[in-house]
Amino acid sequence: MFCVRLMQLAEEASRLSGLIVDVFGDVAVVASSAAWVEKYKLEIEACINKVDGIRHINWRPSVDMLKEEGLDLL
């Protein structure tokens, strides 16, 4: 299977840690492990939807890490 890493904002120096987007065919898989990513979920999805060829977005939050930041998704 062919995978493209569209973006990885995971370095602490970037101050944007917690967001990884991998693309598998026409599916973008978003790995979220920071509260700011969940806060801007709609904006992030809007940006991803502008990429040609992406038809679906699969959001995969890291529930345990987000709980550590005080965010409860359930």
N, C-alpha and C. Protein backbone atom coordinates (compact mmCIF):
# COMPACT_ATOMS: atom_id res chain seq x y z
N MET A 1 0.85 -1.18 0.00
CA MET A 1 0.00 0.00 0.00
C MET A 1 0.89 1.23 0.00
N PHE A 2 0.50 2.21 -0.77
CA PHE A 2 1.26 3.45 -0.90
C PHE A 2 0.70 4.48 0.07
N CYS A 3 1.58 5.09 0.81
CA CYS A 3 1.16 6.11 1.79
C CYS A 3 1.99 7.36 1.59
N VAL A 4 1.35 8.51 1.69
CA VAL A 4 2.04 9.79 1.62
C VAL A 4 1.79 10.53 2.92
N ARG A 5 2.86 10.99 3.54
CA ARG A 5 2.69 11.81 4.75
C ARG A 5 2.53 13.24 4.27
N LEU A 6 1.30 13.74 4.37
CA LEU A 6 0.98 15.07 3.89
C LEU A 6 1.61 16.13 4.79
N MET A 7 1.50 15.92 6.09
CA MET A 7 2.12 16.87 7.01
C MET A 7 2.36 16.20 8.34
N GLN A 8 3.37 16.64 9.00
CA GLN A 8 3.61 16.19 10.36
C GLN A 8 4.11 17.40 11.14
N LEU A 9 3.25 17.86 12.03
CA LEU A 9 3.60 18.99 12.88
C LEU A 9 3.77 18.43 14.27
N ALA A 10 4.90 17.78 14.47
CA ALA A 10 5.07 17.05 15.72
C ALA A 10 6.28 17.50 16.52
N GLU A 11 7.00 18.47 16.03
CA GLU A 11 8.17 18.90 16.77
C GLU A 11 7.79 20.00 17.75
N GLU A 12 8.31 19.90 18.95
CA GLU A 12 8.01 20.90 19.97
C GLU A 12 8.44 22.30 19.54
N ALA A 13 9.51 22.40 18.78
CA ALA A 13 10.00 23.71 18.35
C ALA A 13 9.00 24.42 17.46
N SER A 14 8.17 23.67 16.75
CA SER A 14 7.20 24.29 15.85
C SER A 14 6.03 24.89 16.61
N ARG A 15 5.89 24.51 17.87
CA ARG A 15 4.75 24.93 18.71
C ARG A 15 3.42 24.45 18.15
N LEU A 16 3.48 23.49 17.24
CA LEU A 16 2.27 22.93 16.64
C LEU A 16 2.28 21.41 16.76
N SER A 17 2.81 20.90 17.82
CA SER A 17 2.88 19.45 17.96
C SER A 17 1.49 18.86 18.09
N GLY A 18 1.35 17.64 17.63
CA GLY A 18 0.11 16.91 17.84
C GLY A 18 -0.73 16.66 16.61
N LEU A 19 -0.23 16.98 15.41
CA LEU A 19 -1.00 16.78 14.19
C LEU A 19 -0.18 16.04 13.15
N ILE A 20 -0.70 14.90 12.69
CA ILE A 20 -0.09 14.15 11.59
C ILE A 20 -1.21 13.82 10.60
N VAL A 21 -0.94 14.03 9.32
CA VAL A 21 -1.91 13.68 8.28
C VAL A 21 -1.22 12.75 7.30
N ASP A 22 -1.71 11.54 7.19
CA ASP A 22 -1.23 10.57 6.20
C ASP A 22 -2.30 10.38 5.15
N VAL A 23 -1.88 10.19 3.90
CA VAL A 23 -2.83 9.99 2.81
C VAL A 23 -2.63 8.60 2.23
N PHE A 24 -3.72 7.85 2.18
CA PHE A 24 -3.75 6.51 1.60
C PHE A 24 -4.77 6.56 0.46
N GLY A 25 -4.29 6.67 -0.76
CA GLY A 25 -5.21 6.79 -1.90
C GLY A 25 -6.02 8.07 -1.78
N ASP A 26 -7.34 7.93 -1.67
CA ASP A 26 -8.20 9.11 -1.56
C ASP A 26 -8.65 9.39 -0.12
N VAL A 27 -7.98 8.75 0.84
CA VAL A 27 -8.33 8.91 2.26
C VAL A 27 -7.21 9.61 3.01
N ALA A 28 -7.54 10.68 3.72
CA ALA A 28 -6.60 11.35 4.61
C ALA A 28 -6.88 10.87 6.03
N VAL A 29 -5.85 10.37 6.69
CA VAL A 29 -5.98 9.90 8.07
C VAL A 29 -5.30 10.94 8.96
N VAL A 30 -6.09 11.55 9.83
CA VAL A 30 -5.60 12.61 10.71
C VAL A 30 -5.38 12.03 12.10
N ALA A 31 -4.14 12.05 12.57
CA ALA A 31 -3.81 11.62 13.93
C ALA A 31 -3.70 12.87 14.79
N SER A 32 -4.55 12.95 15.77
CA SER A 32 -4.62 14.11 16.65
C SER A 32 -4.19 13.73 18.06
N SER A 33 -3.22 14.47 18.61
CA SER A 33 -2.80 14.19 19.98
C SER A 33 -2.59 15.47 20.78
N ALA A 34 -3.30 16.54 20.40
CA ALA A 34 -3.20 17.80 21.12
C ALA A 34 -4.56 18.50 21.11
N ALA A 35 -4.87 19.15 22.20
CA ALA A 35 -6.17 19.82 22.33
C ALA A 35 -6.36 20.89 21.25
N TRP A 36 -5.28 21.59 20.87
CA TRP A 36 -5.43 22.64 19.86
C TRP A 36 -5.90 22.06 18.53
N VAL A 37 -5.49 20.82 18.22
CA VAL A 37 -5.90 20.18 16.97
C VAL A 37 -7.41 19.94 16.99
N GLU A 38 -7.92 19.46 18.10
CA GLU A 38 -9.36 19.23 18.22
C GLU A 38 -10.13 20.55 18.15
N LYS A 39 -9.57 21.59 18.71
CA LYS A 39 -10.22 22.90 18.70
C LYS A 39 -10.38 23.42 17.27
N TYR A 40 -9.38 23.17 16.43
CA TYR A 40 -9.39 23.66 15.06
C TYR A 40 -9.72 22.56 14.04
N LYS A 41 -10.43 21.56 14.48
CA LYS A 41 -10.75 20.41 13.64
C LYS A 41 -11.43 20.82 12.32
N LEU A 42 -12.42 21.68 12.38
CA LEU A 42 -13.13 22.08 11.17
C LEU A 42 -12.22 22.82 10.20
N GLU A 43 -11.36 23.68 10.72
CA GLU A 43 -10.44 24.41 9.87
C GLU A 43 -9.41 23.48 9.22
N ILE A 44 -8.94 22.51 10.00
CA ILE A 44 -7.98 21.53 9.47
C ILE A 44 -8.63 20.69 8.38
N GLU A 45 -9.85 20.23 8.62
CA GLU A 45 -10.56 19.45 7.60
C GLU A 45 -10.79 20.28 6.34
N ALA A 46 -11.09 21.57 6.49
CA ALA A 46 -11.30 22.43 5.32
C ALA A 46 -10.03 22.52 4.48
N CYS A 47 -8.89 22.63 5.14
CA CYS A 47 -7.61 22.69 4.42
C CYS A 47 -7.31 21.38 3.71
N ILE A 48 -7.55 20.26 4.39
CA ILE A 48 -7.30 18.95 3.79
C ILE A 48 -8.21 18.73 2.59
N ASN A 49 -9.46 19.17 2.69
CA ASN A 49 -10.40 19.00 1.58
C ASN A 49 -10.00 19.77 0.33
N LYS A 50 -9.09 20.73 0.45
CA LYS A 50 -8.61 21.49 -0.71
C LYS A 50 -7.55 20.72 -1.51
N VAL A 51 -7.03 19.64 -0.93
CA VAL A 51 -6.02 18.83 -1.62
C VAL A 51 -6.70 17.95 -2.65
N ASP A 52 -6.24 18.05 -3.90
CA ASP A 52 -6.82 17.24 -4.98
C ASP A 52 -6.71 15.75 -4.68
N GLY A 53 -7.79 15.03 -4.93
CA GLY A 53 -7.77 13.58 -4.81
C GLY A 53 -8.24 13.04 -3.47
N ILE A 54 -8.33 13.88 -2.46
CA ILE A 54 -8.81 13.40 -1.16
C ILE A 54 -10.33 13.48 -1.13
N ARG A 55 -10.93 12.32 -0.88
CA ARG A 55 -12.39 12.25 -0.86
C ARG A 55 -12.95 11.97 0.54
N HIS A 56 -12.12 11.42 1.41
CA HIS A 56 -12.56 11.05 2.76
C HIS A 56 -11.50 11.47 3.78
N ILE A 57 -11.97 11.80 4.98
CA ILE A 57 -11.07 12.11 6.09
C ILE A 57 -11.44 11.20 7.24
N ASN A 58 -10.44 10.48 7.75
CA ASN A 58 -10.62 9.60 8.91
C ASN A 58 -9.88 10.24 10.08
N TRP A 59 -10.61 10.69 11.08
CA TRP A 59 -10.06 11.39 12.24
C TRP A 59 -9.76 10.38 13.34
N ARG A 60 -8.51 10.32 13.79
CA ARG A 60 -8.10 9.34 14.79
C ARG A 60 -7.45 10.06 15.98
N PRO A 61 -8.26 10.54 16.91
CA PRO A 61 -7.67 11.22 18.07
C PRO A 61 -7.03 10.23 19.03
N SER A 62 -5.96 10.66 19.66
CA SER A 62 -5.30 9.88 20.71
C SER A 62 -5.99 10.26 22.03
N VAL A 63 -7.01 9.51 22.36
CA VAL A 63 -7.87 9.84 23.50
C VAL A 63 -7.07 9.96 24.79
N ASP A 64 -6.15 9.04 25.04
CA ASP A 64 -5.37 9.08 26.28
C ASP A 64 -4.53 10.34 26.39
N MET A 65 -3.87 10.73 25.29
CA MET A 65 -3.04 11.93 25.32
C MET A 65 -3.89 13.19 25.48
N LEU A 66 -5.06 13.20 24.85
CA LEU A 66 -5.95 14.35 24.96
C LEU A 66 -6.52 14.48 26.37
N LYS A 67 -6.77 13.35 27.02
CA LYS A 67 -7.23 13.38 28.41
C LYS A 67 -6.19 14.01 29.31
N GLU A 68 -4.91 13.74 29.02
CA GLU A 68 -3.82 14.34 29.80
C GLU A 68 -3.82 15.86 29.68
N GLU A 69 -4.31 16.37 28.55
CA GLU A 69 -4.39 17.81 28.33
C GLU A 69 -5.70 18.39 28.85
N GLY A 70 -6.53 17.53 29.43
CA GLY A 70 -7.78 17.99 30.02
C GLY A 70 -8.96 17.97 29.08
N LEU A 71 -8.82 17.32 27.92
CA LEU A 71 -9.90 17.26 26.95
C LEU A 71 -10.52 15.87 26.97
N ASP A 72 -11.81 15.79 27.20
CA ASP A 72 -12.51 14.51 27.24
C ASP A 72 -13.40 14.42 26.02
N LEU A 73 -13.10 13.50 25.09
CA LEU A 73 -13.85 13.38 23.85
C LEU A 73 -15.10 12.51 23.98
N LEU A 74 -15.24 11.82 25.06
CA LEU A 74 -16.39 10.91 25.19
C LEU A 74 -17.56 11.56 25.84
